[in-house]
PDB file of N, CA and C in Angstrom:
ATOM      1  N   VAL A   1    -119.302-145.417  69.773  1.00  0.00           N
ATOM      2  CA  VAL A   1    -119.787-146.676  70.265  1.00  0.00           C
ATOM      3  C   VAL A   1    -119.076-147.776  69.493  1.00  0.00           C
ATOM      4  N   GLY A   2    -119.002-148.924  70.066  1.00  0.00           N
ATOM      5  CA  GLY A   2    -118.455-150.081  69.362  1.00  0.00           C
ATOM      6  C   GLY A   2    -117.094-149.844  68.758  1.00  0.00           C
ATOM      7  N   ALA A   3    -117.010-149.967  67.443  1.00  0.00           N
ATOM      8  CA  ALA A   3    -115.740-149.894  66.725  1.00  0.00           C
ATOM      9  C   ALA A   3    -115.045-148.543  66.878  1.00  0.00           C
ATOM     10  N   HIS A   4    -115.802-147.500  67.211  1.00  0.00           N
ATOM     11  CA  HIS A   4    -115.219-146.166  67.327  1.00  0.00           C
ATOM     12  C   HIS A   4    -114.880-145.790  68.765  1.00  0.00           C
ATOM     13  N   ASN A   5    -115.134-146.702  69.692  1.00  0.00           N
ATOM     14  CA  ASN A   5    -114.823-146.489  71.110  1.00  0.00           C
ATOM     15  C   ASN A   5    -115.437-145.213  71.680  1.00  0.00           C
ATOM     16  N   ILE A   6    -116.665-144.926  71.299  1.00  0.00           N
ATOM     17  CA  ILE A   6    -117.376-143.765  71.842  1.00  0.00           C
ATOM     18  C   ILE A   6    -118.117-144.224  73.096  1.00  0.00           C
ATOM     19  N   PRO A   7    -117.861-143.567  74.220  1.00  0.00           N
ATOM     20  CA  PRO A   7    -118.562-143.962  75.444  1.00  0.00           C
ATOM     21  C   PRO A   7    -120.071-143.800  75.283  1.00  0.00           C
ATOM     22  N   ALA A   8    -120.828-144.700  75.851  1.00  0.00           N
ATOM     23  CA  ALA A   8    -122.291-144.641  75.764  1.00  0.00           C
ATOM     24  C   ALA A   8    -122.823-143.311  76.283  1.00  0.00           C
ATOM     25  N   ALA A   9    -122.159-142.727  77.268  1.00  0.00           N
ATOM     26  CA  ALA A   9    -122.593-141.441  77.821  1.00  0.00           C
ATOM     27  C   ALA A   9    -122.489-140.312  76.791  1.00  0.00           C
ATOM     28  N   ASN A  10    -121.731-140.540  75.732  1.00  0.00           N
ATOM     29  CA  ASN A  10    -121.561-139.526  74.689  1.00  0.00           C
ATOM     30  C   ASN A  10    -122.346-139.852  73.424  1.00  0.00           C
ATOM     31  N   THR A  11    -123.383-140.657  73.553  1.00  0.00           N
ATOM     32  CA  THR A  11    -124.273-140.937  72.426  1.00  0.00           C
ATOM     33  C   THR A  11    -125.653-140.390  72.776  1.00  0.00           C
ATOM     34  N   PHE A  12    -126.350-139.879  71.768  1.00  0.00           N
ATOM     35  CA  PHE A  12    -127.608-139.187  72.018  1.00  0.00           C
ATOM     36  C   PHE A  12    -128.642-139.567  70.979  1.00  0.00           C
ATOM     37  N   THR A  13    -129.898-139.484  71.355  1.00  0.00           N
ATOM     38  CA  THR A  13    -130.982-139.782  70.423  1.00  0.00           C
ATOM     39  C   THR A  13    -131.616-138.527  69.858  1.00  0.00           C
ATOM     40  N   SER A  14    -131.203-137.361  70.354  1.00  0.00           N
ATOM     41  CA  SER A  14    -131.727-136.094  69.832  1.00  0.00           C
ATOM     42  C   SER A  14    -130.682-135.002  70.009  1.00  0.00           C
ATOM     43  N   TRP A  15    -130.830-133.944  69.233  1.00  0.00           N
ATOM     44  CA  TRP A  15    -129.909-132.819  69.393  1.00  0.00           C
ATOM     45  C   TRP A  15    -130.127-132.159  70.746  1.00  0.00           C
ATOM     46  N   GLU A  16    -131.367-132.181  71.243  1.00  0.00           N
ATOM     47  CA  GLU A  16    -131.651-131.588  72.546  1.00  0.00           C
ATOM     48  C   GLU A  16    -130.851-132.274  73.645  1.00  0.00           C
ATOM     49  N   ASP A  17    -130.767-133.594  73.572  1.00  0.00           N
ATOM     50  CA  ASP A  17    -129.969-134.343  74.562  1.00  0.00           C
ATOM     51  C   ASP A  17    -128.498-133.963  74.458  1.00  0.00           C
ATOM     52  N   ALA A  18    -127.996-133.839  73.239  1.00  0.00           N
ATOM     53  CA  ALA A  18    -126.583-133.476  73.048  1.00  0.00           C
ATOM     54  C   ALA A  18    -126.308-132.066  73.553  1.00  0.00           C
ATOM     55  N   ALA A  19    -127.274-131.181  73.431  1.00  0.00           N
ATOM     56  CA  ALA A  19    -127.094-129.793  73.868  1.00  0.00           C
ATOM     57  C   ALA A  19    -127.284-129.625  75.372  1.00  0.00           C
ATOM     58  N   SER A  20    -127.671-130.686  76.047  1.00  0.00           N
ATOM     59  CA  SER A  20    -127.920-130.589  77.491  1.00  0.00           C
ATOM     60  C   SER A  20    -126.700-130.939  78.336  1.00  0.00           C
ATOM     61  N   VAL A  21    -125.605-131.273  77.674  1.00  0.00           N
ATOM     62  CA  VAL A  21    -124.377-131.621  78.397  1.00  0.00           C
ATOM     63  C   VAL A  21    -123.281-130.625  78.024  1.00  0.00           C
ATOM     64  N   PRO A  22    -122.230-130.545  78.824  1.00  0.00           N
ATOM     65  CA  PRO A  22    -121.129-129.634  78.459  1.00  0.00           C
ATOM     66  C   PRO A  22    -120.566-129.975  77.076  1.00  0.00           C
ATOM     67  N   ARG A  23    -119.976-128.999  76.452  1.00  0.00           N
ATOM     68  CA  ARG A  23    -119.453-129.142  75.091  1.00  0.00           C
ATOM     69  C   ARG A  23    -118.518-130.337  74.978  1.00  0.00           C
ATOM     70  N   LEU A  24    -118.722-131.129  73.936  1.00  0.00           N
ATOM     71  CA  LEU A  24    -117.951-132.352  73.694  1.00  0.00           C
ATOM     72  C   LEU A  24    -116.977-132.231  72.534  1.00  0.00           C
ATOM     73  N   ALA A  25    -117.159-131.212  71.693  1.00  0.00           N
ATOM     74  CA  ALA A  25    -116.374-131.112  70.464  1.00  0.00           C
ATOM     75  C   ALA A  25    -116.188-129.643  70.105  1.00  0.00           C
ATOM     76  N   THR A  26    -115.550-129.409  68.990  1.00  0.00           N
ATOM     77  CA  THR A  26    -115.318-128.051  68.516  1.00  0.00           C
ATOM     78  C   THR A  26    -116.442-127.571  67.614  1.00  0.00           C
ATOM     79  N   VAL A  27    -116.992-128.487  66.816  1.00  0.00           N
ATOM     80  CA  VAL A  27    -117.975-128.129  65.795  1.00  0.00           C
ATOM     81  C   VAL A  27    -119.252-128.932  65.977  1.00  0.00           C
ATOM     82  N   ALA A  28    -120.372-128.264  65.730  1.00  0.00           N
ATOM     83  CA  ALA A  28    -121.660-128.957  65.639  1.00  0.00           C
ATOM     84  C   ALA A  28    -122.117-128.859  64.192  1.00  0.00           C
ATOM     85  N   ILE A  29    -122.443-129.993  63.616  1.00  0.00           N
ATOM     86  CA  ILE A  29    -122.956-130.022  62.245  1.00  0.00           C
ATOM     87  C   ILE A  29    -124.470-130.145  62.340  1.00  0.00           C
ATOM     88  N   ILE A  30    -125.160-129.133  61.862  1.00  0.00           N
ATOM     89  CA  ILE A  30    -126.618-129.096  61.946  1.00  0.00           C
ATOM     90  C   ILE A  30    -127.183-129.594  60.626  1.00  0.00           C
ATOM     91  N   CYS A  31    -127.841-130.741  60.666  1.00  0.00           N
ATOM     92  CA  CYS A  31    -128.413-131.313  59.443  1.00  0.00           C
ATOM     93  C   CYS A  31    -129.824-131.824  59.705  1.00  0.00           C
ATOM     94  N   THR A  32    -130.566-131.034  60.490  1.00  0.00           N
ATOM     95  CA  THR A  32    -131.975-131.310  60.706  1.00  0.00           C
ATOM     96  C   THR A  32    -132.756-130.875  59.462  1.00  0.00           C
ATOM     97  N   GLN A  33    -134.069-131.071  59.469  1.00  0.00           N
ATOM     98  CA  GLN A  33    -134.888-130.570  58.373  1.00  0.00           C
ATOM     99  C   GLN A  33    -134.743-129.048  58.298  1.00  0.00           C
ATOM    100  N   ASP A  34    -134.853-128.501  57.103  1.00  0.00           N
ATOM    101  CA  ASP A  34    -134.600-127.072  56.880  1.00  0.00           C
ATOM    102  C   ASP A  34    -135.328-126.172  57.875  1.00  0.00           C
ATOM    103  N   GLN A  35    -136.602-126.431  58.107  1.00  0.00           N
ATOM    104  CA  GLN A  35    -137.399-125.587  58.986  1.00  0.00           C
ATOM    105  C   GLN A  35    -137.059-125.783  60.463  1.00  0.00           C
ATOM    106  N   MET A  36    -136.184-126.712  60.759  1.00  0.00           N
ATOM    107  CA  MET A  36    -135.802-127.006  62.140  1.00  0.00           C
ATOM    108  C   MET A  36    -134.380-126.556  62.470  1.00  0.00           C
ATOM    109  N   HIS A  37    -133.709-125.824  61.619  1.00  0.00           N
ATOM    110  CA  HIS A  37    -132.309-125.448  61.832  1.00  0.00           C
ATOM    111  C   HIS A  37    -132.096-124.471  62.983  1.00  0.00           C
ATOM    112  N   ARG A  38    -133.028-123.548  63.183  1.00  0.00           N
ATOM    113  CA  ARG A  38    -132.806-122.460  64.143  1.00  0.00           C
ATOM    114  C   ARG A  38    -132.500-122.965  65.549  1.00  0.00           C
ATOM    115  N   ALA A  39    -133.352-123.778  66.107  1.00  0.00           N
ATOM    116  CA  ALA A  39    -133.204-124.174  67.514  1.00  0.00           C
ATOM    117  C   ALA A  39    -131.861-124.845  67.803  1.00  0.00           C
ATOM    118  N   PRO A  40    -131.452-125.867  67.046  1.00  0.00           N
ATOM    119  CA  PRO A  40    -130.153-126.465  67.365  1.00  0.00           C
ATOM    120  C   PRO A  40    -128.979-125.543  67.059  1.00  0.00           C
ATOM    121  N   ALA A  41    -129.060-124.753  66.002  1.00  0.00           N
ATOM    122  CA  ALA A  41    -127.955-123.840  65.683  1.00  0.00           C
ATOM    123  C   ALA A  41    -127.763-122.837  66.811  1.00  0.00           C
ATOM    124  N   VAL A  42    -128.838-122.260  67.301  1.00  0.00           N
ATOM    125  CA  VAL A  42    -128.754-121.293  68.391  1.00  0.00           C
ATOM    126  C   VAL A  42    -128.265-121.970  69.670  1.00  0.00           C
ATOM    127  N   ALA A  43    -128.810-123.138  69.976  1.00  0.00           N
ATOM    128  CA  ALA A  43    -128.420-123.846  71.206  1.00  0.00           C
ATOM    129  C   ALA A  43    -126.934-124.200  71.206  1.00  0.00           C
ATOM    130  N   PHE A  44    -126.429-124.737  70.098  1.00  0.00           N
ATOM    131  CA  PHE A  44    -125.024-125.130  70.050  1.00  0.00           C
ATOM    132  C   PHE A  44    -124.096-123.916  69.987  1.00  0.00           C
ATOM    133  N   ALA A  45    -124.538-122.839  69.357  1.00  0.00           N
ATOM    134  CA  ALA A  45    -123.742-121.611  69.364  1.00  0.00           C
ATOM    135  C   ALA A  45    -123.599-121.093  70.797  1.00  0.00           C
ATOM    136  N   LYS A  46    -124.672-121.153  71.561  1.00  0.00           N
ATOM    137  CA  LYS A  46    -124.624-120.706  72.960  1.00  0.00           C
ATOM    138  C   LYS A  46    -123.673-121.554  73.796  1.00  0.00           C
ATOM    139  N   LEU A  47    -123.463-122.800  73.381  1.00  0.00           N
ATOM    140  CA  LEU A  47    -122.520-123.675  74.085  1.00  0.00           C
ATOM    141  C   LEU A  47    -121.083-123.482  73.608  1.00  0.00           C
ATOM    142  N   GLY A  48    -120.896-122.639  72.590  1.00  0.00           N
ATOM    143  CA  GLY A  48    -119.547-122.354  72.105  1.00  0.00           C
ATOM    144  C   GLY A  48    -119.077-123.212  70.954  1.00  0.00           C
ATOM    145  N   TYR A  49    -119.961-124.001  70.379  1.00  0.00           N
ATOM    146  CA  TYR A  49    -119.593-124.806  69.210  1.00  0.00           C
ATOM    147  C   TYR A  49    -119.484-123.908  67.979  1.00  0.00           C
ATOM    148  N   GLN A  50    -118.508-124.179  67.116  1.00  0.00           N
ATOM    149  CA  GLN A  50    -118.506-123.602  65.781  1.00  0.00           C
ATOM    150  C   GLN A  50    -119.643-124.315  65.045  1.00  0.00           C
ATOM    151  N   ILE A  51    -120.344-123.626  64.162  1.00  0.00           N
ATOM    152  CA  ILE A  51    -121.539-124.189  63.537  1.00  0.00           C
ATOM    153  C   ILE A  51    -121.325-124.415  62.046  1.00  0.00           C
ATOM    154  N   LEU A  52    -121.585-125.637  61.596  1.00  0.00           N
ATOM    155  CA  LEU A  52    -121.649-125.945  60.172  1.00  0.00           C
ATOM    156  C   LEU A  52    -123.097-126.330  59.901  1.00  0.00           C
ATOM    157  N   LEU A  53    -123.740-125.548  59.059  1.00  0.00           N
ATOM    158  CA  LEU A  53    -125.179-125.647  58.844  1.00  0.00           C
ATOM    159  C   LEU A  53    -125.462-125.997  57.397  1.00  0.00           C
ATOM    160  N   GLU A  54    -126.316-126.990  57.189  1.00  0.00           N
ATOM    161  CA  GLU A  54    -126.696-127.340  55.824  1.00  0.00           C
ATOM    162  C   GLU A  54    -127.525-126.229  55.201  1.00  0.00           C
ATOM    163  N   LYS A  55    -127.381-126.075  53.908  1.00  0.00           N
ATOM    164  CA  LYS A  55    -128.164-125.124  53.133  1.00  0.00           C
ATOM    165  C   LYS A  55    -129.569-125.689  52.930  1.00  0.00           C
ATOM    166  N   PRO A  56    -130.616-124.918  52.976  1.00  0.00           N
ATOM    167  CA  PRO A  56    -130.645-123.503  53.278  1.00  0.00           C
ATOM    168  C   PRO A  56    -130.424-123.259  54.765  1.00  0.00           C
ATOM    169  N   MET A  57    -129.899-122.102  55.060  1.00  0.00           N
ATOM    170  CA  MET A  57    -129.609-121.750  56.440  1.00  0.00           C
ATOM    171  C   MET A  57    -130.857-121.869  57.314  1.00  0.00           C
ATOM    172  N   ALA A  58    -131.975-121.406  56.823  1.00  0.00           N
ATOM    173  CA  ALA A  58    -133.271-121.493  57.509  1.00  0.00           C
ATOM    174  C   ALA A  58    -134.344-121.199  56.479  1.00  0.00           C
ATOM    175  N   THR A  59    -135.589-121.324  56.881  1.00  0.00           N
ATOM    176  CA  THR A  59    -136.678-121.112  55.926  1.00  0.00           C
ATOM    177  C   THR A  59    -137.344-119.754  56.088  1.00  0.00           C
ATOM    178  N   THR A  60    -136.920-118.985  57.101  1.00  0.00           N
ATOM    179  CA  THR A  60    -137.452-117.633  57.258  1.00  0.00           C
ATOM    180  C   THR A  60    -136.305-116.666  57.533  1.00  0.00           C
ATOM    181  N   GLU A  61    -136.534-115.421  57.179  1.00  0.00           N
ATOM    182  CA  GLU A  61    -135.524-114.400  57.454  1.00  0.00           C
ATOM    183  C   GLU A  61    -135.300-114.267  58.962  1.00  0.00           C
ATOM    184  N   GLU A  62    -136.373-114.349  59.730  1.00  0.00           N
ATOM    185  CA  GLU A  62    -136.277-114.252  61.193  1.00  0.00           C
ATOM    186  C   GLU A  62    -135.361-115.339  61.763  1.00  0.00           C
ATOM    187  N   ASP A  63    -135.510-116.563  61.280  1.00  0.00           N
ATOM    188  CA  ASP A  63    -134.665-117.658  61.759  1.00  0.00           C
ATOM    189  C   ASP A  63    -133.210-117.439  61.355  1.00  0.00           C
ATOM    190  N   CYS A  64    -132.997-116.968  60.130  1.00  0.00           N
ATOM    191  CA  CYS A  64    -131.624-116.678  59.683  1.00  0.00           C
ATOM    192  C   CYS A  64    -130.986-115.630  60.579  1.00  0.00           C
ATOM    193  N   MET A  65    -131.719-114.572  60.871  1.00  0.00           N
ATOM    194  CA  MET A  65    -131.183-113.494  61.697  1.00  0.00           C
ATOM    195  C   MET A  65    -130.887-113.993  63.113  1.00  0.00           C
ATOM    196  N   ALA A  66    -131.725-114.861  63.651  1.00  0.00           N
ATOM    197  CA  ALA A  66    -131.505-115.401  65.000  1.00  0.00           C
ATOM    198  C   ALA A  66    -130.255-116.273  65.044  1.00  0.00           C
ATOM    199  N   ILE A  67    -130.024-117.050  64.005  1.00  0.00           N
ATOM    200  CA  ILE A  67    -128.828-117.894  63.938  1.00  0.00           C
ATOM    201  C   ILE A  67    -127.578-117.031  63.868  1.00  0.00           C
ATOM    202  N   VAL A  68    -127.592-116.037  62.998  1.00  0.00           N
ATOM    203  CA  VAL A  68    -126.441-115.136  62.861  1.00  0.00           C
ATOM    204  C   VAL A  68    -126.187-114.420  64.186  1.00  0.00           C
ATOM    205  N   ALA A  69    -127.244-113.919  64.819  1.00  0.00           N
ATOM    206  CA  ALA A  69    -127.089-113.198  66.087  1.00  0.00           C
ATOM    207  C   ALA A  69    -126.484-114.104  67.158  1.00  0.00           C
ATOM    208  N   ALA A  70    -126.949-115.341  67.253  1.00  0.00           N
ATOM    209  CA  ALA A  70    -126.421-116.278  68.262  1.00  0.00           C
ATOM    210  C   ALA A  70    -124.946-116.552  68.025  1.00  0.00           C
ATOM    211  N   CYS A  71    -124.559-116.697  66.757  1.00  0.00           N
ATOM    212  CA  CYS A  71    -123.146-116.955  66.449  1.00  0.00           C
ATOM    213  C   CYS A  71    -122.288-115.740  66.767  1.00  0.00           C
ATOM    214  N   LYS A  72    -122.776-114.557  66.450  1.00  0.00           N
ATOM    215  CA  LYS A  72    -122.026-113.334  66.762  1.00  0.00           C
ATOM    216  C   LYS A  72    -121.905-113.142  68.268  1.00  0.00           C
ATOM    217  N   GLU A  73    -123.025-113.303  68.991  1.00  0.00           N
ATOM    218  CA  GLU A  73    -123.039-113.101  70.440  1.00  0.00           C
ATOM    219  C   GLU A  73    -122.099-114.058  71.168  1.00  0.00           C
ATOM    220  N   ASN A  74    -121.921-115.241  70.606  1.00  0.00           N
ATOM    221  CA  ASN A  74    -121.087-116.253  71.257  1.00  0.00           C
ATOM    222  C   ASN A  74    -119.729-116.406  70.601  1.00  0.00           C
ATOM    223  N   ASN A  75    -119.432-115.504  69.650  1.00  0.00           N
ATOM    224  CA  ASN A  75    -118.134-115.473  68.991  1.00  0.00           C
ATOM    225  C   ASN A  75    -117.746-116.823  68.387  1.00  0.00           C
ATOM    226  N   VAL A  76    -118.706-117.429  67.678  1.00  0.00           N
ATOM    227  CA  VAL A  76    -118.434-118.697  67.004  1.00  0.00           C
ATOM    228  C   VAL A  76    -118.590-118.504  65.496  1.00  0.00           C
ATOM    229  N   MET A  77    -117.875-119.314  64.740  1.00  0.00           N
ATOM    230  CA  MET A  77    -117.968-119.270  63.283  1.00  0.00           C
ATOM    231  C   MET A  77    -119.247-119.951  62.830  1.00  0.00           C
ATOM    232  N   LEU A  78    -119.790-119.452  61.744  1.00  0.00           N
ATOM    233  CA  LEU A  78    -120.960-120.047  61.110  1.00  0.00           C
ATOM    234  C   LEU A  78    -120.606-120.343  59.670  1.00  0.00           C
ATOM    235  N   GLY A  79    -120.703-121.591  59.294  1.00  0.00           N
ATOM    236  CA  GLY A  79    -120.494-121.983  57.907  1.00  0.00           C
ATOM    237  C   GLY A  79    -121.764-122.617  57.381  1.00  0.00           C
ATOM    238  N   VAL A  80    -122.099-122.323  56.145  1.00  0.00           N
ATOM    239  CA  VAL A  80    -123.266-122.921  55.506  1.00  0.00           C
ATOM    240  C   VAL A  80    -122.763-123.739  54.330  1.00  0.00           C
ATOM    241  N   CYS A  81    -123.131-125.006  54.317  1.00  0.00           N
ATOM    242  CA  CYS A  81    -122.624-125.899  53.272  1.00  0.00           C
ATOM    243  C   CYS A  81    -123.741-126.368  52.361  1.00  0.00           C
ATOM    244  N   HIS A  82    -123.359-126.755  51.184  1.00  0.00           N
ATOM    245  CA  HIS A  82    -124.290-127.276  50.196  1.00  0.00           C
ATOM    246  C   HIS A  82    -124.254-128.799  50.257  1.00  0.00           C
ATOM    247  N   VAL A  83    -125.405-129.391  50.407  1.00  0.00           N
ATOM    248  CA  VAL A  83    -125.502-130.843  50.528  1.00  0.00           C
ATOM    249  C   VAL A  83    -125.436-131.486  49.145  1.00  0.00           C
ATOM    250  N   LEU A  84    -124.509-132.404  48.987  1.00  0.00           N
ATOM    251  CA  LEU A  84    -124.340-133.067  47.691  1.00  0.00           C
ATOM    252  C   LEU A  84    -124.587-134.572  47.756  1.00  0.00           C
ATOM    253  N   ARG A  85    -125.113-135.046  48.872  1.00  0.00           N
ATOM    254  CA  ARG A  85    -125.218-136.500  49.034  1.00  0.00           C
ATOM    255  C   ARG A  85    -126.130-137.180  48.021  1.00  0.00           C
ATOM    256  N   TYR A  86    -127.026-136.423  47.390  1.00  0.00           N
ATOM    257  CA  TYR A  86    -127.928-137.036  46.423  1.00  0.00           C
ATOM    258  C   TYR A  86    -127.478-136.822  44.978  1.00  0.00           C
ATOM    259  N   ARG A  87    -126.323-136.226  44.778  1.00  0.00           N
ATOM    260  CA  ARG A  87    -125.808-135.973  43.432  1.00  0.00           C
ATOM    261  C   ARG A  87    -125.023-137.190  42.947  1.00  0.00           C
ATOM    262  N   SER A  88    -125.154-137.507  41.683  1.00  0.00           N
ATOM    263  CA  SER A  88    -124.478-138.687  41.140  1.00  0.00           C
ATOM    264  C   SER A  88    -122.960-138.546  41.215  1.00  0.00           C
ATOM    265  N   VAL A  89    -122.443-137.321  41.122  1.00  0.00           N
ATOM    266  CA  VAL A  89    -120.996-137.137  41.178  1.00  0.00           C
ATOM    267  C   VAL A  89    -120.447-137.589  42.537  1.00  0.00           C
ATOM    268  N   ARG A  90    -121.219-137.423  43.598  1.00  0.00           N
ATOM    269  CA  ARG A  90    -120.781-137.880  44.914  1.00  0.00           C
ATOM    270  C   ARG A  90    -120.646-139.399  44.918  1.00  0.00           C
ATOM    271  N   SER A  91    -121.640-140.086  44.393  1.00  0.00           N
ATOM    272  CA  SER A  91    -121.591-141.551  44.332  1.00  0.00           C
ATOM    273  C   SER A  91    -120.400-142.024  43.513  1.00  0.00           C
ATOM    274  N   GLN A  92    -120.138-141.355  42.412  1.00  0.00           N
ATOM    275  CA  GLN A  92    -119.005-141.714  41.572  1.00  0.00           C
ATOM    276  C   GLN A  92    -117.691-141.494  42.319  1.00  0.00           C
ATOM    277  N   MET A  93    -117.617-140.409  43.072  1.00  0.00           N
ATOM    278  CA  MET A  93    -116.412-140.125  43.840  1.00  0.00           C
ATOM    279  C   MET A  93    -116.203-141.191  44.915  1.00  0.00           C
ATOM    280  N   ILE A  94    -117.265-141.513  45.657  1.00  0.00           N
ATOM    281  CA  ILE A  94    -117.165-142.509  46.723  1.00  0.00           C
ATOM    282  C   ILE A  94    -116.791-143.863  46.123  1.00  0.00           C
ATOM    283  N   ASP A  95    -117.385-144.219  45.004  1.00  0.00           N
ATOM    284  CA  ASP A  95    -117.063-145.488  44.351  1.00  0.00           C
ATOM    285  C   ASP A  95    -115.599-145.554  43.951  1.00  0.00           C
ATOM    286  N   GLY A  96    -115.004-144.426  43.618  1.00  0.00           N
ATOM    287  CA  GLY A  96    -113.617-144.400  43.174  1.00  0.00           C
ATOM    288  C   GLY A  96    -112.602-144.358  44.317  1.00  0.00           C
ATOM    289  N   LEU A  97    -113.033-144.067  45.529  1.00  0.00           N
ATOM    290  CA  LEU A  97    -112.100-143.927  46.643  1.00  0.00           C
ATOM    291  C   LEU A  97    -111.285-145.194  46.962  1.00  0.00           C
ATOM    292  N   PRO A  98    -111.894-146.352  47.080  1.00  0.00           N
ATOM    293  CA  PRO A  98    -111.069-147.512  47.442  1.00  0.00           C
ATOM    294  C   PRO A  98    -109.926-147.747  46.483  1.00  0.00           C
ATOM    295  N   ALA A  99    -110.153-147.606  45.187  1.00  0.00           N
ATOM    296  CA  ALA A  99    -109.092-147.816  44.210  1.00  0.00           C
ATOM    297  C   ALA A  99    -108.013-146.748  44.350  1.00  0.00           C
ATOM    298  N   ALA A 100    -108.417-145.518  44.637  1.00  0.00           N
ATOM    299  CA  ALA A 100    -107.458-144.434  44.764  1.00  0.00           C
ATOM    300  C   ALA A 100    -106.608-144.572  46.028  1.00  0.00           C
ATOM    301  N   CYS A 101    -107.131-145.264  47.021  1.00  0.00           N
ATOM    302  CA  CYS A 101    -106.410-145.406  48.306  1.00  0.00           C
ATOM    303  C   CYS A 101    -105.473-146.607  48.320  1.00  0.00           C
ATOM    304  N   ASP A 102    -105.502-147.452  47.315  1.00  0.00           N
ATOM    305  CA  ASP A 102    -104.628-148.643  47.283  1.00  0.00           C
ATOM    306  C   ASP A 102    -103.191-148.267  47.048  1.00  0.00           C
TER     307      ASP A 102
END
């Protein structure tokens, strides 16, 4: 939207809305609340998106197994990342970027 020239038709207010249209990208980044990871991860895997999922993968073993199964069944990669946005080192790194880019 706006400065990024994203068409309004490609903006969504929920992951459910985004999952209701044909695939728009290669990767879906799932960063819902921990206990809510299963539904969007499974839905986007079924659409063929590669999945990048915030840690923890899920809050139950059943949800973890369902996510893995959906990714395997749809032949998509599953990556689990560690969120560092609240760590002071991240802030220090971001603060240093403008000077490093000059």
